[in-house]
Amino acid sequence: MPIRSLIKETISLQGFRVDSIERCSFGISIKIVPDRRYRPRCGK
């Protein structure tokens, strides 16, 4: 299973998408950015 798919399944943040994944000396660095398809809604 590709790393990107695994991360999408484990980090289910609606309104965000995985932009990049990099291997670092201490582990994995994941950059998530807001997804333009979703608009934030007020909770009230």
C-alpha atoms as a PDB file:
ATOM      1  CA  MET A   1       0.000   0.000   0.000  1.00  0.00           C
ATOM      2  CA  PRO A   2       1.472   3.389  -0.946  1.00  0.00           C
ATOM      3  CA  ILE A   3       2.367   5.698   1.926  1.00  0.00           C
ATOM      4  CA  ARG A   4       0.036   8.470   0.681  1.00  0.00           C
ATOM      5  CA  SER A   5      -2.977   6.119   0.780  1.00  0.00           C
ATOM      6  CA  LEU A   6      -2.056   4.897   4.242  1.00  0.00           C
ATOM      7  CA  ILE A   7      -1.786   8.450   5.557  1.00  0.00           C
ATOM      8  CA  LYS A   8      -5.128   9.455   4.001  1.00  0.00           C
ATOM      9  CA  GLU A   9      -6.837   6.551   5.753  1.00  0.00           C
ATOM     10  CA  THR A  10      -5.271   7.173   9.163  1.00  0.00           C
ATOM     11  CA  ILE A  11      -5.491  10.988   9.185  1.00  0.00           C
ATOM     12  CA  SER A  12      -9.065  11.596   8.143  1.00  0.00           C
ATOM     13  CA  LEU A  13      -9.257  15.384   8.302  1.00  0.00           C
ATOM     14  CA  GLN A  14     -12.133  16.673   6.233  1.00  0.00           C
ATOM     15  CA  GLY A  15     -11.244  19.837   4.363  1.00  0.00           C
ATOM     16  CA  PHE A  16      -7.536  19.065   4.133  1.00  0.00           C
ATOM     17  CA  ARG A  17      -5.384  17.138   1.677  1.00  0.00           C
ATOM     18  CA  VAL A  18      -1.891  15.651   1.796  1.00  0.00           C
ATOM     19  CA  ASP A  19       0.409  17.927  -0.207  1.00  0.00           C
ATOM     20  CA  SER A  20       3.773  16.270   0.208  1.00  0.00           C
ATOM     21  CA  ILE A  21       5.503  13.472   2.079  1.00  0.00           C
ATOM     22  CA  GLU A  22       9.237  13.550   2.730  1.00  0.00           C
ATOM     23  CA  ARG A  23      11.578  11.178   4.460  1.00  0.00           C
ATOM     24  CA  CYS A  24      13.660  12.886   7.145  1.00  0.00           C
ATOM     25  CA  SER A  25      16.468  11.667   9.355  1.00  0.00           C
ATOM     26  CA  PHE A  26      14.058  11.420  12.304  1.00  0.00           C
ATOM     27  CA  GLY A  27      11.038   9.949  10.459  1.00  0.00           C
ATOM     28  CA  ILE A  28       8.449  11.139   7.961  1.00  0.00           C
ATOM     29  CA  SER A  29       7.399  14.740   7.362  1.00  0.00           C
ATOM     30  CA  ILE A  30       3.865  15.234   6.053  1.00  0.00           C
ATOM     31  CA  LYS A  31       2.575  18.561   4.769  1.00  0.00           C
ATOM     32  CA  ILE A  32      -1.197  18.997   4.744  1.00  0.00           C
ATOM     33  CA  VAL A  33      -2.935  21.972   3.137  1.00  0.00           C
ATOM     34  CA  PRO A  34      -6.561  23.147   3.047  1.00  0.00           C
ATOM     35  CA  ASP A  35      -8.619  21.617   0.273  1.00  0.00           C
ATOM     36  CA  ARG A  36     -10.229  24.318  -1.861  1.00  0.00           C
ATOM     37  CA  ARG A  37     -13.302  22.146  -2.502  1.00  0.00           C
ATOM     38  CA  TYR A  38     -14.459  22.514   1.117  1.00  0.00           C
ATOM     39  CA  ARG A  39     -15.506  25.769   2.714  1.00  0.00           C
ATOM     40  CA  PRO A  40     -15.339  26.201   6.471  1.00  0.00           C
ATOM     41  CA  ARG A  41     -18.746  26.435   8.138  1.00  0.00           C
ATOM     42  CA  CYS A  42     -19.673  28.292  11.269  1.00  0.00           C
ATOM     43  CA  GLY A  43     -20.707  26.017  14.129  1.00  0.00           C
ATOM     44  CA  LYS A  44     -23.545  28.339  15.174  1.00  0.00           C
END
